[in-house]
Amino acid sequence: MNKKRILALADLIEQQQHTSFSAESGFSMSSYVHECGTPSCIAGWASWLSFGKAPVLADEILLFDRARGYLGLKEDAAKSLFLPANYQDQDLYTPTQAAETLRHLAKTGEVDWSVSS
């Protein structure tokens, strides 16, 4: 687990607006990337950082693996982080909640979405 990258990702996501899938930028857990190809969810933003802020992959499996590797997560932790319960309900998870969950992960090594407000 790469705590430094996880905390940097938390800071970046916290600065994003909570948006929809069709927005051009921002944060939404409803999809890995926005319709235009910009990062959307935690995995999308992690992948974007891993590529040096280059365009995000459209292939969800490659994007998942790239983001997981960049953050140094085991597959089960990555699934819990990138695909939480009801993740497609875009209003359910805000940038602040994602950042809190990431910071908790960096501190404890556990993904727990219930710690977010």
PDB file of N, CA and C in Angstrom:
ATOM      1  N   MET A   1       0.848  -1.173   0.000  1.00  0.00           N
ATOM      2  CA  MET A   1       0.000   0.000   0.000  1.00  0.00           C
ATOM      3  C   MET A   1       0.897   1.240   0.000  1.00  0.00           C
ATOM      4  N   ASN A   2       0.606   2.162  -0.920  1.00  0.00           N
ATOM      5  CA  ASN A   2       1.411   3.365  -1.023  1.00  0.00           C
ATOM      6  C   ASN A   2       0.663   4.523  -0.353  1.00  0.00           C
ATOM      7  N   LYS A   3       0.954   4.751   0.922  1.00  0.00           N
ATOM      8  CA  LYS A   3       0.241   5.770   1.701  1.00  0.00           C
ATOM      9  C   LYS A   3       0.396   7.164   1.112  1.00  0.00           C
ATOM     10  N   LYS A   4       1.570   7.478   0.628  1.00  0.00           N
ATOM     11  CA  LYS A   4       1.815   8.808   0.065  1.00  0.00           C
ATOM     12  C   LYS A   4       0.902   9.060  -1.134  1.00  0.00           C
ATOM     13  N   ARG A   5       0.805   8.085  -2.015  1.00  0.00           N
ATOM     14  CA  ARG A   5      -0.060   8.242  -3.196  1.00  0.00           C
ATOM     15  C   ARG A   5      -1.534   8.271  -2.801  1.00  0.00           C
ATOM     16  N   ILE A   6      -1.928   7.465  -1.827  1.00  0.00           N
ATOM     17  CA  ILE A   6      -3.319   7.447  -1.367  1.00  0.00           C
ATOM     18  C   ILE A   6      -3.698   8.807  -0.786  1.00  0.00           C
ATOM     19  N   LEU A   7      -2.827   9.384   0.013  1.00  0.00           N
ATOM     20  CA  LEU A   7      -3.112  10.695   0.612  1.00  0.00           C
ATOM     21  C   LEU A   7      -3.114  11.802  -0.443  1.00  0.00           C
ATOM     22  N   ALA A   8      -2.224  11.719  -1.420  1.00  0.00           N
ATOM     23  CA  ALA A   8      -2.215  12.709  -2.506  1.00  0.00           C
ATOM     24  C   ALA A   8      -3.504  12.609  -3.321  1.00  0.00           C
ATOM     25  N   LEU A   9      -3.970  11.382  -3.539  1.00  0.00           N
ATOM     26  CA  LEU A   9      -5.223  11.174  -4.254  1.00  0.00           C
ATOM     27  C   LEU A   9      -6.393  11.741  -3.456  1.00  0.00           C
ATOM     28  N   ALA A  10      -6.390  11.550  -2.148  1.00  0.00           N
ATOM     29  CA  ALA A  10      -7.449  12.111  -1.296  1.00  0.00           C
ATOM     30  C   ALA A  10      -7.488  13.632  -1.432  1.00  0.00           C
ATOM     31  N   ASP A  11      -6.329  14.261  -1.401  1.00  0.00           N
ATOM     32  CA  ASP A  11      -6.271  15.721  -1.535  1.00  0.00           C
ATOM     33  C   ASP A  11      -6.805  16.173  -2.888  1.00  0.00           C
ATOM     34  N   LEU A  12      -6.440  15.457  -3.946  1.00  0.00           N
ATOM     35  CA  LEU A  12      -6.885  15.810  -5.295  1.00  0.00           C
ATOM     36  C   LEU A  12      -8.394  15.651  -5.443  1.00  0.00           C
ATOM     37  N   ILE A  13      -8.918  14.531  -4.987  1.00  0.00           N
ATOM     38  CA  ILE A  13     -10.362  14.275  -5.107  1.00  0.00           C
ATOM     39  C   ILE A  13     -11.164  15.276  -4.297  1.00  0.00           C
ATOM     40  N   GLU A  14     -10.664  15.623  -3.124  1.00  0.00           N
ATOM     41  CA  GLU A  14     -11.384  16.570  -2.273  1.00  0.00           C
ATOM     42  C   GLU A  14     -11.555  17.933  -2.944  1.00  0.00           C
ATOM     43  N   GLN A  15     -10.689  18.265  -3.879  1.00  0.00           N
ATOM     44  CA  GLN A  15     -10.760  19.543  -4.586  1.00  0.00           C
ATOM     45  C   GLN A  15     -11.754  19.528  -5.748  1.00  0.00           C
ATOM     46  N   GLN A  16     -12.270  18.349  -6.103  1.00  0.00           N
ATOM     47  CA  GLN A  16     -13.167  18.226  -7.254  1.00  0.00           C
ATOM     48  C   GLN A  16     -14.605  18.540  -6.871  1.00  0.00           C
ATOM     49  N   GLN A  17     -15.358  19.006  -7.858  1.00  0.00           N
ATOM     50  CA  GLN A  17     -16.787  19.198  -7.668  1.00  0.00           C
ATOM     51  C   GLN A  17     -17.477  17.853  -7.805  1.00  0.00           C
ATOM     52  N   HIS A  18     -18.584  17.688  -7.094  1.00  0.00           N
ATOM     53  CA  HIS A  18     -19.387  16.478  -7.207  1.00  0.00           C
ATOM     54  C   HIS A  18     -20.242  16.638  -8.458  1.00  0.00           C
ATOM     55  N   THR A  19     -19.988  15.811  -9.477  1.00  0.00           N
ATOM     56  CA  THR A  19     -20.639  15.996 -10.767  1.00  0.00           C
ATOM     57  C   THR A  19     -21.320  14.723 -11.240  1.00  0.00           C
ATOM     58  N   SER A  20     -21.931  14.810 -12.402  1.00  0.00           N
ATOM     59  CA  SER A  20     -22.561  13.651 -13.019  1.00  0.00           C
ATOM     60  C   SER A  20     -21.620  13.037 -14.052  1.00  0.00           C
ATOM     61  N   PHE A  21     -21.991  11.878 -14.535  1.00  0.00           N
ATOM     62  CA  PHE A  21     -21.220  11.168 -15.554  1.00  0.00           C
ATOM     63  C   PHE A  21     -21.060  12.013 -16.814  1.00  0.00           C
ATOM     64  N   SER A  22     -22.064  12.801 -17.146  1.00  0.00           N
ATOM     65  CA  SER A  22     -22.030  13.574 -18.386  1.00  0.00           C
ATOM     66  C   SER A  22     -21.237  14.877 -18.270  1.00  0.00           C
ATOM     67  N   ALA A  23     -20.785  15.216 -17.084  1.00  0.00           N
ATOM     68  CA  ALA A  23     -19.988  16.433 -16.903  1.00  0.00           C
ATOM     69  C   ALA A  23     -18.622  16.273 -17.566  1.00  0.00           C
ATOM     70  N   GLU A  24     -17.966  17.387 -17.811  1.00  0.00           N
ATOM     71  CA  GLU A  24     -16.644  17.340 -18.444  1.00  0.00           C
ATOM     72  C   GLU A  24     -15.522  17.084 -17.441  1.00  0.00           C
ATOM     73  N   SER A  25     -15.774  17.343 -16.191  1.00  0.00           N
ATOM     74  CA  SER A  25     -14.760  17.106 -15.168  1.00  0.00           C
ATOM     75  C   SER A  25     -15.450  17.008 -13.815  1.00  0.00           C
ATOM     76  N   GLY A  26     -14.671  16.676 -12.795  1.00  0.00           N
ATOM     77  CA  GLY A  26     -15.219  16.563 -11.451  1.00  0.00           C
ATOM     78  C   GLY A  26     -15.150  15.143 -10.944  1.00  0.00           C
ATOM     79  N   PHE A  27     -15.917  14.860  -9.891  1.00  0.00           N
ATOM     80  CA  PHE A  27     -15.903  13.558  -9.234  1.00  0.00           C
ATOM     81  C   PHE A  27     -17.290  12.945  -9.230  1.00  0.00           C
ATOM     82  N   SER A  28     -17.360  11.695  -9.643  1.00  0.00           N
ATOM     83  CA  SER A  28     -18.589  10.916  -9.580  1.00  0.00           C
ATOM     84  C   SER A  28     -18.204   9.447  -9.503  1.00  0.00           C
ATOM     85  N   MET A  29     -18.770   8.730  -8.560  1.00  0.00           N
ATOM     86  CA  MET A  29     -18.492   7.302  -8.425  1.00  0.00           C
ATOM     87  C   MET A  29     -19.335   6.468  -9.394  1.00  0.00           C
ATOM     88  N   SER A  30     -20.137   7.100 -10.233  1.00  0.00           N
ATOM     89  CA  SER A  30     -21.007   6.351 -11.131  1.00  0.00           C
ATOM     90  C   SER A  30     -20.270   5.745 -12.321  1.00  0.00           C
ATOM     91  N   SER A  31     -19.040   6.172 -12.574  1.00  0.00           N
ATOM     92  CA  SER A  31     -18.280   5.654 -13.704  1.00  0.00           C
ATOM     93  C   SER A  31     -16.794   5.928 -13.498  1.00  0.00           C
ATOM     94  N   TYR A  32     -15.951   5.121 -14.124  1.00  0.00           N
ATOM     95  CA  TYR A  32     -14.508   5.348 -14.033  1.00  0.00           C
ATOM     96  C   TYR A  32     -14.109   6.675 -14.675  1.00  0.00           C
ATOM     97  N   VAL A  33     -14.727   6.972 -15.823  1.00  0.00           N
ATOM     98  CA  VAL A  33     -14.421   8.212 -16.541  1.00  0.00           C
ATOM     99  C   VAL A  33     -15.717   8.896 -16.963  1.00  0.00           C
ATOM    100  N   HIS A  34     -15.616  10.201 -17.170  1.00  0.00           N
ATOM    101  CA  HIS A  34     -16.751  10.956 -17.717  1.00  0.00           C
ATOM    102  C   HIS A  34     -16.906  10.597 -19.191  1.00  0.00           C
ATOM    103  N   GLU A  35     -18.037  10.964 -19.775  1.00  0.00           N
ATOM    104  CA  GLU A  35     -18.301  10.664 -21.186  1.00  0.00           C
ATOM    105  C   GLU A  35     -17.176  11.158 -22.095  1.00  0.00           C
ATOM    106  N   CYS A  36     -16.555  12.259 -21.732  1.00  0.00           N
ATOM    107  CA  CYS A  36     -15.509  12.852 -22.565  1.00  0.00           C
ATOM    108  C   CYS A  36     -14.144  12.206 -22.340  1.00  0.00           C
ATOM    109  N   GLY A  37     -14.034  11.303 -21.372  1.00  0.00           N
ATOM    110  CA  GLY A  37     -12.782  10.601 -21.141  1.00  0.00           C
ATOM    111  C   GLY A  37     -11.949  11.124 -19.984  1.00  0.00           C
ATOM    112  N   THR A  38     -12.410  12.157 -19.297  1.00  0.00           N
ATOM    113  CA  THR A  38     -11.666  12.664 -18.145  1.00  0.00           C
ATOM    114  C   THR A  38     -11.964  11.793 -16.924  1.00  0.00           C
ATOM    115  N   PRO A  39     -11.071  11.763 -15.934  1.00  0.00           N
ATOM    116  CA  PRO A  39     -11.288  10.907 -14.765  1.00  0.00           C
ATOM    117  C   PRO A  39     -12.539  11.294 -13.990  1.00  0.00           C
ATOM    118  N   SER A  40     -13.191  10.293 -13.402  1.00  0.00           N
ATOM    119  CA  SER A  40     -14.432  10.537 -12.685  1.00  0.00           C
ATOM    120  C   SER A  40     -14.379  10.014 -11.249  1.00  0.00           C
ATOM    121  N   CYS A  41     -14.139   8.723 -11.079  1.00  0.00           N
ATOM    122  CA  CYS A  41     -14.182   8.106  -9.747  1.00  0.00           C
ATOM    123  C   CYS A  41     -12.780   7.962  -9.157  1.00  0.00           C
ATOM    124  N   ILE A  42     -12.695   7.304  -8.018  1.00  0.00           N
ATOM    125  CA  ILE A  42     -11.406   7.105  -7.361  1.00  0.00           C
ATOM    126  C   ILE A  42     -10.428   6.398  -8.294  1.00  0.00           C
ATOM    127  N   ALA A  43     -10.863   5.306  -8.917  1.00  0.00           N
ATOM    128  CA  ALA A  43      -9.976   4.565  -9.813  1.00  0.00           C
ATOM    129  C   ALA A  43      -9.582   5.416 -11.020  1.00  0.00           C
ATOM    130  N   GLY A  44     -10.516   6.185 -11.541  1.00  0.00           N
ATOM    131  CA  GLY A  44     -10.218   7.058 -12.683  1.00  0.00           C
ATOM    132  C   GLY A  44      -9.176   8.108 -12.343  1.00  0.00           C
ATOM    133  N   TRP A  45      -9.319   8.732 -11.193  1.00  0.00           N
ATOM    134  CA  TRP A  45      -8.345   9.751 -10.771  1.00  0.00           C
ATOM    135  C   TRP A  45      -6.999   9.126 -10.458  1.00  0.00           C
ATOM    136  N   ALA A  46      -6.981   7.937  -9.843  1.00  0.00           N
ATOM    137  CA  ALA A  46      -5.705   7.263  -9.558  1.00  0.00           C
ATOM    138  C   ALA A  46      -4.998   6.886 -10.855  1.00  0.00           C
ATOM    139  N   SER A  47      -5.756   6.393 -11.823  1.00  0.00           N
ATOM    140  CA  SER A  47      -5.183   6.043 -13.110  1.00  0.00           C
ATOM    141  C   SER A  47      -4.619   7.280 -13.801  1.00  0.00           C
ATOM    142  N   TRP A  48      -5.338   8.371 -13.721  1.00  0.00           N
ATOM    143  CA  TRP A  48      -4.902   9.643 -14.313  1.00  0.00           C
ATOM    144  C   TRP A  48      -3.569  10.077 -13.712  1.00  0.00           C
ATOM    145  N   LEU A  49      -3.449   9.978 -12.397  1.00  0.00           N
ATOM    146  CA  LEU A  49      -2.184  10.310 -11.738  1.00  0.00           C
ATOM    147  C   LEU A  49      -1.068   9.350 -12.156  1.00  0.00           C
ATOM    148  N   SER A  50      -1.402   8.081 -12.293  1.00  0.00           N
ATOM    149  CA  SER A  50      -0.383   7.082 -12.639  1.00  0.00           C
ATOM    150  C   SER A  50       0.186   7.308 -14.031  1.00  0.00           C
ATOM    151  N   PHE A  51      -0.588   7.896 -14.901  1.00  0.00           N
ATOM    152  CA  PHE A  51      -0.133   8.187 -16.262  1.00  0.00           C
ATOM    153  C   PHE A  51       0.495   9.569 -16.370  1.00  0.00           C
ATOM    154  N   GLY A  52       0.743  10.219 -15.241  1.00  0.00           N
ATOM    155  CA  GLY A  52       1.324  11.558 -15.287  1.00  0.00           C
ATOM    156  C   GLY A  52       0.347  12.583 -15.821  1.00  0.00           C
ATOM    157  N   LYS A  53      -0.916  12.427 -15.438  1.00  0.00           N
ATOM    158  CA  LYS A  53      -1.995  13.333 -15.809  1.00  0.00           C
ATOM    159  C   LYS A  53      -2.293  13.307 -17.306  1.00  0.00           C
ATOM    160  N   ALA A  54      -2.053  12.170 -17.918  1.00  0.00           N
ATOM    161  CA  ALA A  54      -2.388  11.964 -19.327  1.00  0.00           C
ATOM    162  C   ALA A  54      -3.809  11.423 -19.426  1.00  0.00           C
ATOM    163  N   PRO A  55      -4.364  11.320 -20.609  1.00  0.00           N
ATOM    164  CA  PRO A  55      -5.727  10.794 -20.751  1.00  0.00           C
ATOM    165  C   PRO A  55      -5.891   9.437 -20.082  1.00  0.00           C
ATOM    166  N   VAL A  56      -7.063   9.193 -19.592  1.00  0.00           N
ATOM    167  CA  VAL A  56      -7.378   7.964 -18.864  1.00  0.00           C
ATOM    168  C   VAL A  56      -7.749   6.860 -19.852  1.00  0.00           C
ATOM    169  N   LEU A  57      -7.404   5.631 -19.513  1.00  0.00           N
ATOM    170  CA  LEU A  57      -7.776   4.481 -20.327  1.00  0.00           C
ATOM    171  C   LEU A  57      -9.289   4.311 -20.368  1.00  0.00           C
ATOM    172  N   ALA A  58      -9.798   3.891 -21.504  1.00  0.00           N
ATOM    173  CA  ALA A  58     -11.229   3.636 -21.618  1.00  0.00           C
ATOM    174  C   ALA A  58     -11.572   2.216 -21.163  1.00  0.00           C
ATOM    175  N   ASP A  59     -10.628   1.300 -21.227  1.00  0.00           N
ATOM    176  CA  ASP A  59     -10.852  -0.085 -20.841  1.00  0.00           C
ATOM    177  C   ASP A  59     -10.913  -0.185 -19.319  1.00  0.00           C
ATOM    178  N   GLU A  60     -12.074  -0.557 -18.780  1.00  0.00           N
ATOM    179  CA  GLU A  60     -12.276  -0.555 -17.329  1.00  0.00           C
ATOM    180  C   GLU A  60     -11.384  -1.553 -16.593  1.00  0.00           C
ATOM    181  N   ILE A  61     -11.108  -2.697 -17.188  1.00  0.00           N
ATOM    182  CA  ILE A  61     -10.258  -3.688 -16.525  1.00  0.00           C
ATOM    183  C   ILE A  61      -8.825  -3.176 -16.426  1.00  0.00           C
ATOM    184  N   LEU A  62      -8.311  -2.618 -17.502  1.00  0.00           N
ATOM    185  CA  LEU A  62      -6.959  -2.058 -17.467  1.00  0.00           C
ATOM    186  C   LEU A  62      -6.881  -0.869 -16.518  1.00  0.00           C
ATOM    187  N   LEU A  63      -7.914  -0.041 -16.527  1.00  0.00           N
ATOM    188  CA  LEU A  63      -7.939   1.119 -15.640  1.00  0.00           C
ATOM    189  C   LEU A  63      -7.946   0.666 -14.185  1.00  0.00           C
ATOM    190  N   PHE A  64      -8.762  -0.305 -13.859  1.00  0.00           N
ATOM    191  CA  PHE A  64      -8.833  -0.842 -12.496  1.00  0.00           C
ATOM    192  C   PHE A  64      -7.462  -1.342 -12.064  1.00  0.00           C
ATOM    193  N   ASP A  65      -6.839  -2.162 -12.918  1.00  0.00           N
ATOM    194  CA  ASP A  65      -5.530  -2.731 -12.585  1.00  0.00           C
ATOM    195  C   ASP A  65      -4.461  -1.649 -12.471  1.00  0.00           C
ATOM    196  N   ARG A  66      -4.514  -0.661 -13.344  1.00  0.00           N
ATOM    197  CA  ARG A  66      -3.543   0.437 -13.305  1.00  0.00           C
ATOM    198  C   ARG A  66      -3.686   1.220 -11.999  1.00  0.00           C
ATOM    199  N   ALA A  67      -4.911   1.553 -11.638  1.00  0.00           N
ATOM    200  CA  ALA A  67      -5.170   2.312 -10.405  1.00  0.00           C
ATOM    201  C   ALA A  67      -4.781   1.494  -9.177  1.00  0.00           C
ATOM    202  N   ARG A  68      -5.129   0.214  -9.175  1.00  0.00           N
ATOM    203  CA  ARG A  68      -4.786  -0.667  -8.052  1.00  0.00           C
ATOM    204  C   ARG A  68      -3.278  -0.744  -7.866  1.00  0.00           C
ATOM    205  N   GLY A  69      -2.561  -0.920  -8.957  1.00  0.00           N
ATOM    206  CA  GLY A  69      -1.108  -0.986  -8.891  1.00  0.00           C
ATOM    207  C   GLY A  69      -0.487   0.324  -8.439  1.00  0.00           C
ATOM    208  N   TYR A  70      -1.022   1.437  -8.938  1.00  0.00           N
ATOM    209  CA  TYR A  70      -0.493   2.754  -8.577  1.00  0.00           C
ATOM    210  C   TYR A  70      -0.626   3.011  -7.074  1.00  0.00           C
ATOM    211  N   LEU A  71      -1.748   2.578  -6.497  1.00  0.00           N
ATOM    212  CA  LEU A  71      -1.980   2.787  -5.069  1.00  0.00           C
ATOM    213  C   LEU A  71      -1.401   1.660  -4.210  1.00  0.00           C
ATOM    214  N   GLY A  72      -0.923   0.604  -4.854  1.00  0.00           N
ATOM    215  CA  GLY A  72      -0.320  -0.502  -4.114  1.00  0.00           C
ATOM    216  C   GLY A  72      -1.329  -1.304  -3.314  1.00  0.00           C
ATOM    217  N   LEU A  73      -2.512  -1.509  -3.874  1.00  0.00           N
ATOM    218  CA  LEU A  73      -3.586  -2.205  -3.158  1.00  0.00           C
ATOM    219  C   LEU A  73      -3.721  -3.641  -3.613  1.00  0.00           C
ATOM    220  N   LYS A  74      -4.103  -4.505  -2.685  1.00  0.00           N
ATOM    221  CA  LYS A  74      -4.475  -5.865  -3.046  1.00  0.00           C
ATOM    222  C   LYS A  74      -5.832  -5.794  -3.726  1.00  0.00           C
ATOM    223  N   GLU A  75      -6.148  -6.823  -4.501  1.00  0.00           N
ATOM    224  CA  GLU A  75      -7.368  -6.789  -5.301  1.00  0.00           C
ATOM    225  C   GLU A  75      -8.636  -6.607  -4.470  1.00  0.00           C
ATOM    226  N   ASP A  76      -8.743  -7.282  -3.321  1.00  0.00           N
ATOM    227  CA  ASP A  76      -9.959  -7.155  -2.509  1.00  0.00           C
ATOM    228  C   ASP A  76     -10.120  -5.737  -1.961  1.00  0.00           C
ATOM    229  N   ALA A  77      -9.029  -5.105  -1.550  1.00  0.00           N
ATOM    230  CA  ALA A  77      -9.098  -3.724  -1.057  1.00  0.00           C
ATOM    231  C   ALA A  77      -9.467  -2.774  -2.196  1.00  0.00           C
ATOM    232  N   ALA A  78      -8.905  -3.022  -3.374  1.00  0.00           N
ATOM    233  CA  ALA A  78      -9.226  -2.176  -4.530  1.00  0.00           C
ATOM    234  C   ALA A  78     -10.704  -2.277  -4.887  1.00  0.00           C
ATOM    235  N   LYS A  79     -11.249  -3.492  -4.869  1.00  0.00           N
ATOM    236  CA  LYS A  79     -12.675  -3.661  -5.173  1.00  0.00           C
ATOM    237  C   LYS A  79     -13.538  -2.921  -4.161  1.00  0.00           C
ATOM    238  N   SER A  80     -13.193  -3.008  -2.891  1.00  0.00           N
ATOM    239  CA  SER A  80     -13.963  -2.309  -1.857  1.00  0.00           C
ATOM    240  C   SER A  80     -13.880  -0.796  -2.021  1.00  0.00           C
ATOM    241  N   LEU A  81     -12.727  -0.317  -2.460  1.00  0.00           N
ATOM    242  CA  LEU A  81     -12.534   1.122  -2.627  1.00  0.00           C
ATOM    243  C   LEU A  81     -13.160   1.627  -3.916  1.00  0.00           C
ATOM    244  N   PHE A  82     -12.911   0.940  -5.017  1.00  0.00           N
ATOM    245  CA  PHE A  82     -13.372   1.410  -6.323  1.00  0.00           C
ATOM    246  C   PHE A  82     -14.827   1.077  -6.618  1.00  0.00           C
ATOM    247  N   LEU A  83     -15.346   0.020  -5.995  1.00  0.00           N
ATOM    248  CA  LEU A  83     -16.712  -0.439  -6.276  1.00  0.00           C
ATOM    249  C   LEU A  83     -17.501  -0.647  -4.987  1.00  0.00           C
ATOM    250  N   PRO A  84     -17.675   0.401  -4.182  1.00  0.00           N
ATOM    251  CA  PRO A  84     -18.434   0.238  -2.930  1.00  0.00           C
ATOM    252  C   PRO A  84     -19.900  -0.046  -3.223  1.00  0.00           C
ATOM    253  N   ALA A  85     -20.622  -0.446  -2.211  1.00  0.00           N
ATOM    254  CA  ALA A  85     -22.056  -0.701  -2.372  1.00  0.00           C
ATOM    255  C   ALA A  85     -22.739   0.510  -2.998  1.00  0.00           C
ATOM    256  N   ASN A  86     -23.592   0.252  -3.963  1.00  0.00           N
ATOM    257  CA  ASN A  86     -24.376   1.304  -4.625  1.00  0.00           C
ATOM    258  C   ASN A  86     -23.514   2.380  -5.282  1.00  0.00           C
ATOM    259  N   TYR A  87     -22.311   2.013  -5.758  1.00  0.00           N
ATOM    260  CA  TYR A  87     -21.403   3.008  -6.326  1.00  0.00           C
ATOM    261  C   TYR A  87     -21.975   3.721  -7.544  1.00  0.00           C
ATOM    262  N   GLN A  88     -22.929   3.113  -8.232  1.00  0.00           N
ATOM    263  CA  GLN A  88     -23.482   3.758  -9.422  1.00  0.00           C
ATOM    264  C   GLN A  88     -24.508   4.833  -9.086  1.00  0.00           C
ATOM    265  N   ASP A  89     -24.880   4.940  -7.836  1.00  0.00           N
ATOM    266  CA  ASP A  89     -25.751   6.027  -7.398  1.00  0.00           C
ATOM    267  C   ASP A  89     -24.845   7.229  -7.154  1.00  0.00           C
ATOM    268  N   GLN A  90     -24.678   8.071  -8.177  1.00  0.00           N
ATOM    269  CA  GLN A  90     -23.676   9.132  -8.143  1.00  0.00           C
ATOM    270  C   GLN A  90     -23.837  10.106  -6.990  1.00  0.00           C
ATOM    271  N   ASP A  91     -25.021  10.231  -6.443  1.00  0.00           N
ATOM    272  CA  ASP A  91     -25.218  11.177  -5.337  1.00  0.00           C
ATOM    273  C   ASP A  91     -24.847  10.575  -3.990  1.00  0.00           C
ATOM    274  N   LEU A  92     -24.575   9.272  -3.965  1.00  0.00           N
ATOM    275  CA  LEU A  92     -24.313   8.596  -2.708  1.00  0.00           C
ATOM    276  C   LEU A  92     -22.939   8.924  -2.138  1.00  0.00           C
ATOM    277  N   TYR A  93     -21.941   9.044  -3.000  1.00  0.00           N
ATOM    278  CA  TYR A  93     -20.570   9.290  -2.542  1.00  0.00           C
ATOM    279  C   TYR A  93     -20.055  10.614  -3.080  1.00  0.00           C
ATOM    280  N   THR A  94     -19.679  11.494  -2.175  1.00  0.00           N
ATOM    281  CA  THR A  94     -19.175  12.814  -2.545  1.00  0.00           C
ATOM    282  C   THR A  94     -17.643  12.809  -2.545  1.00  0.00           C
ATOM    283  N   PRO A  95     -17.023  13.845  -3.108  1.00  0.00           N
ATOM    284  CA  PRO A  95     -15.568  13.936  -3.032  1.00  0.00           C
ATOM    285  C   PRO A  95     -15.057  13.931  -1.591  1.00  0.00           C
ATOM    286  N   THR A  96     -15.770  14.584  -0.701  1.00  0.00           N
ATOM    287  CA  THR A  96     -15.360  14.626   0.704  1.00  0.00           C
ATOM    288  C   THR A  96     -15.399  13.226   1.311  1.00  0.00           C
ATOM    289  N   GLN A  97     -16.450  12.465   1.031  1.00  0.00           N
ATOM    290  CA  GLN A  97     -16.552  11.101   1.551  1.00  0.00           C
ATOM    291  C   GLN A  97     -15.449  10.210   0.989  1.00  0.00           C
ATOM    292  N   ALA A  98     -15.161  10.354  -0.284  1.00  0.00           N
ATOM    293  CA  ALA A  98     -14.093   9.571  -0.896  1.00  0.00           C
ATOM    294  C   ALA A  98     -12.749   9.917  -0.259  1.00  0.00           C
ATOM    295  N   ALA A  99     -12.501  11.201  -0.051  1.00  0.00           N
ATOM    296  CA  ALA A  99     -11.238  11.638   0.568  1.00  0.00           C
ATOM    297  C   ALA A  99     -11.115  11.092   1.990  1.00  0.00           C
ATOM    298  N   GLU A 100     -12.203  11.126   2.756  1.00  0.00           N
ATOM    299  CA  GLU A 100     -12.172  10.592   4.123  1.00  0.00           C
ATOM    300  C   GLU A 100     -11.899   9.087   4.113  1.00  0.00           C
ATOM    301  N   THR A 101     -12.507   8.381   3.181  1.00  0.00           N
ATOM    302  CA  THR A 101     -12.298   6.940   3.074  1.00  0.00           C
ATOM    303  C   THR A 101     -10.849   6.640   2.687  1.00  0.00           C
ATOM    304  N   LEU A 102     -10.294   7.412   1.772  1.00  0.00           N
ATOM    305  CA  LEU A 102      -8.893   7.234   1.382  1.00  0.00           C
ATOM    306  C   LEU A 102      -7.950   7.512   2.550  1.00  0.00           C
ATOM    307  N   ARG A 103      -8.210   8.563   3.301  1.00  0.00           N
ATOM    308  CA  ARG A 103      -7.349   8.887   4.447  1.00  0.00           C
ATOM    309  C   ARG A 103      -7.426   7.790   5.524  1.00  0.00           C
ATOM    310  N   HIS A 104      -8.620   7.250   5.714  1.00  0.00           N
ATOM    311  CA  HIS A 104      -8.784   6.145   6.655  1.00  0.00           C
ATOM    312  C   HIS A 104      -7.988   4.926   6.174  1.00  0.00           C
ATOM    313  N   LEU A 105      -8.037   4.665   4.881  1.00  0.00           N
ATOM    314  CA  LEU A 105      -7.271   3.561   4.304  1.00  0.00           C
ATOM    315  C   LEU A 105      -5.775   3.763   4.547  1.00  0.00           C
ATOM    316  N   ALA A 106      -5.280   4.961   4.306  1.00  0.00           N
ATOM    317  CA  ALA A 106      -3.856   5.234   4.509  1.00  0.00           C
ATOM    318  C   ALA A 106      -3.455   5.055   5.966  1.00  0.00           C
ATOM    319  N   LYS A 107      -4.358   5.405   6.872  1.00  0.00           N
ATOM    320  CA  LYS A 107      -4.061   5.322   8.308  1.00  0.00           C
ATOM    321  C   LYS A 107      -4.160   3.895   8.847  1.00  0.00           C
ATOM    322  N   THR A 108      -5.180   3.151   8.403  1.00  0.00           N
ATOM    323  CA  THR A 108      -5.469   1.856   9.011  1.00  0.00           C
ATOM    324  C   THR A 108      -5.198   0.655   8.097  1.00  0.00           C
ATOM    325  N   GLY A 109      -5.090   0.891   6.800  1.00  0.00           N
ATOM    326  CA  GLY A 109      -4.939  -0.207   5.855  1.00  0.00           C
ATOM    327  C   GLY A 109      -6.261  -0.862   5.502  1.00  0.00           C
ATOM    328  N   GLU A 110      -7.373  -0.279   5.936  1.00  0.00           N
ATOM    329  CA  GLU A 110      -8.698  -0.842   5.685  1.00  0.00           C
ATOM    330  C   GLU A 110      -9.578   0.135   4.917  1.00  0.00           C
ATOM    331  N   VAL A 111     -10.355  -0.396   3.989  1.00  0.00           N
ATOM    332  CA  VAL A 111     -11.344   0.399   3.270  1.00  0.00           C
ATOM    333  C   VAL A 111     -12.642   0.324   4.058  1.00  0.00           C
ATOM    334  N   ASP A 112     -13.120   1.466   4.526  1.00  0.00           N
ATOM    335  CA  ASP A 112     -14.352   1.509   5.301  1.00  0.00           C
ATOM    336  C   ASP A 112     -15.114   2.786   4.940  1.00  0.00           C
ATOM    337  N   TRP A 113     -16.084   2.642   4.057  1.00  0.00           N
ATOM    338  CA  TRP A 113     -16.856   3.804   3.612  1.00  0.00           C
ATOM    339  C   TRP A 113     -17.733   4.377   4.716  1.00  0.00           C
ATOM    340  N   SER A 114     -17.978   3.633   5.778  1.00  0.00           N
ATOM    341  CA  SER A 114     -18.829   4.127   6.859  1.00  0.00           C
ATOM    342  C   SER A 114     -18.157   5.226   7.690  1.00  0.00           C
ATOM    343  N   VAL A 115     -16.845   5.400   7.552  1.00  0.00           N
ATOM    344  CA  VAL A 115     -16.155   6.454   8.313  1.00  0.00           C
ATOM    345  C   VAL A 115     -16.389   7.830   7.707  1.00  0.00           C
ATOM    346  N   SER A 116     -16.921   7.870   6.478  1.00  0.00           N
ATOM    347  CA  SER A 116     -17.136   9.152   5.810  1.00  0.00           C
ATOM    348  C   SER A 116     -18.487   9.734   6.204  1.00  0.00           C
ATOM    349  N   SER A 117     -18.522  11.047   6.267  1.00  0.00           N
ATOM    350  CA  SER A 117     -19.767  11.716   6.695  1.00  0.00           C
ATOM    351  C   SER A 117     -20.729  11.933   5.562  1.00  0.00           C
TER     352      SER A 117
END
